Amino acid sequence: METQGYISPEEVRQALRQIYRTDAETNLRSSLIEAFSDELKPIDEKGRWKPSALLLLLFFLLCAVLGIFVYFSVRERG
């Protein structure tokens, strides 16, 4: 049987790996950075990543809740 013009399964796997390696949507790290970045301006004037305002708000809220928990857990009972 003539195999000219056909490709092997290993060549298909290599081609798919190459395609998926360059695709931004299949890369977990770049997808998370895109999801947590500011929607209007994800990079500031200095070229640094800007987090989303909602992400910052959730972070500060979590810090406040943990601070309140630690305050009432550690304080002396009088």
Protein backbone atom coordinates (compact mmCIF):
# COMPACT_ATOMS: atom_id res chain seq x y z
CA MET A 1 0.00 0.00 0.00
CA GLU A 2 1.32 3.42 -0.96
CA THR A 3 1.85 5.70 2.05
CA GLN A 4 2.87 8.76 0.10
CA GLY A 5 0.69 11.74 1.04
CA TYR A 6 -0.40 10.25 4.36
CA ILE A 7 0.82 11.37 7.76
CA SER A 8 1.44 9.23 10.79
CA PRO A 9 -0.49 9.57 14.06
CA GLU A 10 2.69 10.80 15.73
CA GLU A 11 2.97 13.65 13.21
CA VAL A 12 -0.65 14.59 13.93
CA ARG A 13 0.07 14.61 17.69
CA GLN A 14 3.11 16.83 17.17
CA ALA A 15 1.12 19.25 15.00
CA LEU A 16 -1.71 19.44 17.57
CA ARG A 17 0.76 20.05 20.40
CA GLN A 18 2.30 22.87 18.41
CA ILE A 19 -1.11 24.44 17.73
CA TYR A 20 -2.30 24.17 21.34
CA ARG A 21 1.02 25.42 22.72
CA THR A 22 0.60 28.75 20.93
CA ASP A 23 -3.14 29.10 21.63
CA ALA A 24 -3.77 31.60 24.44
CA GLU A 25 -7.13 30.14 25.43
CA THR A 26 -5.70 26.70 26.22
CA ASN A 27 -2.88 28.10 28.36
CA LEU A 28 -4.15 28.17 31.96
CA ARG A 29 -1.72 30.84 33.15
CA SER A 30 -2.53 33.32 30.40
CA SER A 31 -6.26 32.63 30.74
CA LEU A 32 -6.16 33.38 34.48
CA ILE A 33 -4.14 36.54 33.95
CA GLU A 34 -6.62 37.70 31.34
CA ALA A 35 -9.57 36.88 33.59
CA PHE A 36 -8.17 38.74 36.59
CA SER A 37 -6.86 41.78 34.70
CA ASP A 38 -8.57 45.14 34.39
CA GLU A 39 -11.03 44.98 31.49
CA LEU A 40 -10.56 48.56 30.31
CA LYS A 41 -6.79 48.85 30.56
CA PRO A 42 -5.04 45.56 31.48
CA ILE A 43 -1.53 47.05 31.22
CA ASP A 44 -0.55 50.41 32.73
CA GLU A 45 1.77 53.06 31.29
CA LYS A 46 4.89 51.31 32.62
CA GLY A 47 3.91 48.00 31.03
CA ARG A 48 2.87 46.31 34.27
CA TRP A 49 -0.23 44.17 34.76
CA LYS A 50 -3.21 45.91 36.37
CA PRO A 51 -5.53 43.72 38.43
CA SER A 52 -9.29 44.04 38.16
CA ALA A 53 -11.06 46.40 40.56
CA LEU A 54 -13.34 43.54 41.61
CA LEU A 55 -10.31 41.36 42.38
CA LEU A 56 -8.81 44.11 44.56
CA LEU A 57 -12.11 44.64 46.35
CA LEU A 58 -12.43 40.92 47.11
CA PHE A 59 -8.83 40.81 48.34
CA PHE A 60 -9.33 43.73 50.76
CA LEU A 61 -12.65 42.30 51.94
CA LEU A 62 -10.97 38.96 52.65
CA CYS A 63 -8.19 40.75 54.56
CA ALA A 64 -10.78 42.63 56.63
CA VAL A 65 -12.70 39.45 57.46
CA LEU A 66 -9.50 37.64 58.45
CA GLY A 67 -8.43 40.63 60.57
CA ILE A 68 -11.75 40.66 62.40
CA PHE A 69 -11.52 36.91 62.96
CA VAL A 70 -7.98 37.17 64.35
CA TYR A 71 -8.93 40.15 66.55
CA PHE A 72 -11.82 38.34 68.20
CA SER A 73 -9.96 35.01 68.41
CA VAL A 74 -6.77 36.29 70.03
CA ARG A 75 -8.01 39.03 72.36
CA GLU A 76 -8.14 38.26 76.06
CA ARG A 77 -11.45 37.48 77.62
CA GLY A 78 -12.04 39.87 80.49
